Every structure is written in structure tokens, then in C-alpha cells.
Amino acid sequence: MRDDYLNAARKIIDDPNILINIVSCRVKQLRRGSRALVESLEKLSLEDTALREIAEGKISYQLATIEELARR
């Protein structure tokens, strides 16, 4: 993982646990064939691609409310 992509993504999502979960979910999607939301001239790892997507605002998240969790 490149430090510059990680630092840029941490400015968007400051909670490391949430950041790890989002990157992990996105990497799984990319492995299953989803297209990257960012273009790069260099060959990036899937993790770096996910971090760039977060840093560039292509991926966001919303925490579930207590009511939403209770319905599950």
C-alpha cells in the first residue's frame, strides 16, 4: 500500500476501523470483476485503487442507525 494514497484516504475517513472495512469490501468487489472508479497510468494494487477511490470521493459510506440495526 502506498503511503500517499493511505494518507489521502485517512483525510476523508479518519476512523481506521471504518477505513479498513471499506477498503476490504471494495477490494472484494474489484476481485469479482467490478470496474475501478479511477484511472491510472501505472499498475496499482487493488488496495491502492480502493484508497484512491476513497480519496477522490468516488466511494463514501453511511453508518446504520440503531433503528436500522434493530430491524435486521
N, C-alpha and C. Protein backbone atom coordinates (compact mmCIF):
# COMPACT_ATOMS: atom_id res chain seq x y z
N MET A 1 0.84 -1.18 0.00
CA MET A 1 0.00 0.00 0.00
C MET A 1 0.89 1.24 0.00
N ARG A 2 0.51 2.17 -0.83
CA ARG A 2 1.29 3.41 -0.91
C ARG A 2 0.85 4.36 0.19
N ASP A 3 1.84 4.94 0.86
CA ASP A 3 1.56 5.85 1.97
C ASP A 3 0.79 7.09 1.54
N ASP A 4 1.08 7.60 0.35
CA ASP A 4 0.39 8.81 -0.09
C ASP A 4 -1.10 8.55 -0.31
N TYR A 5 -1.46 7.39 -0.84
CA TYR A 5 -2.88 7.06 -1.01
C TYR A 5 -3.54 6.82 0.34
N LEU A 6 -2.84 6.15 1.24
CA LEU A 6 -3.37 5.89 2.57
C LEU A 6 -3.62 7.19 3.32
N ASN A 7 -2.66 8.10 3.29
CA ASN A 7 -2.82 9.38 3.99
C ASN A 7 -3.95 10.21 3.39
N ALA A 8 -4.10 10.18 2.08
CA ALA A 8 -5.19 10.93 1.44
C ALA A 8 -6.54 10.34 1.82
N ALA A 9 -6.64 9.03 1.88
CA ALA A 9 -7.90 8.37 2.26
C ALA A 9 -8.21 8.63 3.74
N ARG A 10 -7.18 8.69 4.57
CA ARG A 10 -7.39 8.93 6.01
C ARG A 10 -7.90 10.34 6.27
N LYS A 11 -7.67 11.26 5.36
CA LYS A 11 -8.23 12.60 5.49
C LYS A 11 -9.73 12.58 5.26
N ILE A 12 -10.21 11.64 4.49
CA ILE A 12 -11.63 11.51 4.19
C ILE A 12 -12.33 10.67 5.27
N ILE A 13 -11.73 9.53 5.60
CA ILE A 13 -12.28 8.62 6.62
C ILE A 13 -11.23 8.50 7.72
N ASP A 14 -11.44 9.20 8.82
CA ASP A 14 -10.41 9.24 9.86
C ASP A 14 -10.43 8.06 10.81
N ASP A 15 -11.52 7.30 10.85
CA ASP A 15 -11.60 6.13 11.72
C ASP A 15 -10.93 4.94 11.02
N PRO A 16 -9.81 4.44 11.57
CA PRO A 16 -9.09 3.36 10.89
C PRO A 16 -9.92 2.09 10.71
N ASN A 17 -10.79 1.79 11.65
CA ASN A 17 -11.61 0.58 11.53
C ASN A 17 -12.58 0.68 10.36
N ILE A 18 -13.20 1.82 10.20
CA ILE A 18 -14.13 2.02 9.09
C ILE A 18 -13.36 2.00 7.77
N LEU A 19 -12.21 2.66 7.74
CA LEU A 19 -11.40 2.69 6.53
C LEU A 19 -11.00 1.28 6.10
N ILE A 20 -10.56 0.48 7.03
CA ILE A 20 -10.16 -0.90 6.73
C ILE A 20 -11.34 -1.69 6.17
N ASN A 21 -12.51 -1.54 6.77
CA ASN A 21 -13.68 -2.28 6.30
C ASN A 21 -14.10 -1.85 4.91
N ILE A 22 -14.06 -0.56 4.63
CA ILE A 22 -14.46 -0.07 3.31
C ILE A 22 -13.46 -0.53 2.25
N VAL A 23 -12.18 -0.42 2.55
CA VAL A 23 -11.17 -0.88 1.59
C VAL A 23 -11.32 -2.37 1.35
N SER A 24 -11.53 -3.13 2.40
CA SER A 24 -11.69 -4.58 2.27
C SER A 24 -12.89 -4.94 1.39
N CYS A 25 -14.01 -4.29 1.63
CA CYS A 25 -15.21 -4.56 0.82
C CYS A 25 -14.98 -4.18 -0.64
N ARG A 26 -14.33 -3.05 -0.86
CA ARG A 26 -14.09 -2.61 -2.24
C ARG A 26 -13.11 -3.52 -2.96
N VAL A 27 -12.09 -4.00 -2.26
CA VAL A 27 -11.14 -4.93 -2.87
C VAL A 27 -11.86 -6.21 -3.29
N LYS A 28 -12.77 -6.70 -2.46
CA LYS A 28 -13.55 -7.89 -2.83
C LYS A 28 -14.37 -7.63 -4.09
N GLN A 29 -14.97 -6.46 -4.18
CA GLN A 29 -15.74 -6.12 -5.38
C GLN A 29 -14.84 -6.07 -6.62
N LEU A 30 -13.67 -5.48 -6.47
CA LEU A 30 -12.75 -5.39 -7.60
C LEU A 30 -12.26 -6.77 -8.03
N ARG A 31 -12.02 -7.65 -7.07
CA ARG A 31 -11.59 -9.01 -7.39
C ARG A 31 -12.67 -9.77 -8.14
N ARG A 32 -13.92 -9.46 -7.85
CA ARG A 32 -15.04 -10.13 -8.51
C ARG A 32 -15.36 -9.54 -9.88
N GLY A 33 -14.60 -8.53 -10.28
CA GLY A 33 -14.76 -8.01 -11.63
C GLY A 33 -15.34 -6.62 -11.75
N SER A 34 -15.63 -5.96 -10.64
CA SER A 34 -16.13 -4.58 -10.72
C SER A 34 -15.05 -3.70 -11.32
N ARG A 35 -15.47 -2.71 -12.07
CA ARG A 35 -14.52 -1.79 -12.68
C ARG A 35 -14.08 -0.74 -11.68
N ALA A 36 -12.83 -0.35 -11.80
CA ALA A 36 -12.30 0.71 -10.94
C ALA A 36 -12.96 2.03 -11.30
N LEU A 37 -13.17 2.87 -10.31
CA LEU A 37 -13.79 4.17 -10.50
C LEU A 37 -12.78 5.27 -10.78
N VAL A 38 -11.50 4.91 -10.75
CA VAL A 38 -10.42 5.85 -11.06
C VAL A 38 -9.53 5.21 -12.12
N GLU A 39 -8.91 6.07 -12.91
CA GLU A 39 -7.98 5.59 -13.93
C GLU A 39 -6.56 5.89 -13.48
N SER A 40 -5.66 5.04 -13.90
CA SER A 40 -4.27 5.24 -13.53
C SER A 40 -3.38 4.77 -14.68
N LEU A 41 -2.32 5.50 -14.92
CA LEU A 41 -1.35 5.11 -15.94
C LEU A 41 -0.42 4.02 -15.43
N GLU A 42 -0.33 3.90 -14.12
CA GLU A 42 0.52 2.87 -13.52
C GLU A 42 -0.35 1.70 -13.03
N LYS A 43 0.26 0.55 -12.88
CA LYS A 43 -0.43 -0.63 -12.39
C LYS A 43 -0.53 -0.53 -10.87
N LEU A 44 -1.76 -0.34 -10.37
CA LEU A 44 -1.98 -0.22 -8.93
C LEU A 44 -2.48 -1.53 -8.36
N SER A 45 -2.15 -1.77 -7.10
CA SER A 45 -2.75 -2.91 -6.40
C SER A 45 -4.22 -2.59 -6.17
N LEU A 46 -5.01 -3.59 -5.89
CA LEU A 46 -6.43 -3.38 -5.63
C LEU A 46 -6.64 -2.50 -4.40
N GLU A 47 -5.78 -2.65 -3.41
CA GLU A 47 -5.87 -1.84 -2.21
C GLU A 47 -5.62 -0.37 -2.52
N ASP A 48 -4.60 -0.11 -3.33
CA ASP A 48 -4.29 1.27 -3.71
C ASP A 48 -5.41 1.87 -4.55
N THR A 49 -6.00 1.07 -5.41
CA THR A 49 -7.13 1.54 -6.21
C THR A 49 -8.28 1.94 -5.29
N ALA A 50 -8.59 1.11 -4.31
CA ALA A 50 -9.67 1.41 -3.37
C ALA A 50 -9.37 2.68 -2.58
N LEU A 51 -8.13 2.83 -2.13
CA LEU A 51 -7.75 4.03 -1.38
C LEU A 51 -7.87 5.28 -2.24
N ARG A 52 -7.46 5.19 -3.50
CA ARG A 52 -7.60 6.35 -4.41
C ARG A 52 -9.07 6.69 -4.64
N GLU A 53 -9.90 5.67 -4.78
CA GLU A 53 -11.33 5.91 -4.97
C GLU A 53 -11.91 6.66 -3.77
N ILE A 54 -11.50 6.29 -2.59
CA ILE A 54 -11.96 6.97 -1.38
C ILE A 54 -11.43 8.40 -1.35
N ALA A 55 -10.15 8.56 -1.59
CA ALA A 55 -9.52 9.89 -1.53
C ALA A 55 -10.13 10.85 -2.55
N GLU A 56 -10.54 10.33 -3.70
CA GLU A 56 -11.10 11.18 -4.75
C GLU A 56 -12.62 11.34 -4.63
N GLY A 57 -13.20 10.79 -3.56
CA GLY A 57 -14.63 10.97 -3.31
C GLY A 57 -15.53 10.09 -4.16
N LYS A 58 -14.98 9.06 -4.76
CA LYS A 58 -15.78 8.15 -5.59
C LYS A 58 -16.54 7.13 -4.75
N ILE A 59 -16.07 6.90 -3.52
CA ILE A 59 -16.70 5.95 -2.60
C ILE A 59 -16.96 6.67 -1.28
N SER A 60 -18.14 6.46 -0.75
CA SER A 60 -18.47 7.03 0.56
C SER A 60 -19.16 5.94 1.38
N TYR A 61 -19.55 6.29 2.58
CA TYR A 61 -20.22 5.33 3.44
C TYR A 61 -21.23 6.06 4.30
N GLN A 62 -22.14 5.27 4.85
CA GLN A 62 -23.13 5.81 5.78
C GLN A 62 -23.33 4.77 6.87
N LEU A 63 -23.16 5.18 8.11
CA LEU A 63 -23.35 4.25 9.22
C LEU A 63 -24.83 3.99 9.44
N ALA A 64 -25.15 2.76 9.77
CA ALA A 64 -26.54 2.40 10.04
C ALA A 64 -26.99 3.01 11.36
N THR A 65 -28.25 3.39 11.42
CA THR A 65 -28.82 3.90 12.66
C THR A 65 -29.20 2.74 13.56
N ILE A 66 -29.48 3.03 14.81
CA ILE A 66 -29.89 1.98 15.75
C ILE A 66 -31.19 1.32 15.28
N GLU A 67 -32.09 2.11 14.73
CA GLU A 67 -33.36 1.58 14.24
C GLU A 67 -33.13 0.60 13.08
N GLU A 68 -32.23 0.96 12.18
CA GLU A 68 -31.93 0.08 11.05
C GLU A 68 -31.31 -1.22 11.51
N LEU A 69 -30.45 -1.14 12.50
CA LEU A 69 -29.83 -2.35 13.03
C LEU A 69 -30.84 -3.22 13.74
N ALA A 70 -31.81 -2.61 14.42
CA ALA A 70 -32.82 -3.38 15.16
C ALA A 70 -33.73 -4.14 14.19
N ARG A 71 -33.93 -3.63 12.99
CA ARG A 71 -34.80 -4.28 12.02
C ARG A 71 -34.16 -5.52 11.41
N ARG A 72 -32.89 -5.67 11.53
CA ARG A 72 -32.19 -6.82 10.91
C ARG A 72 -32.38 -8.06 11.67
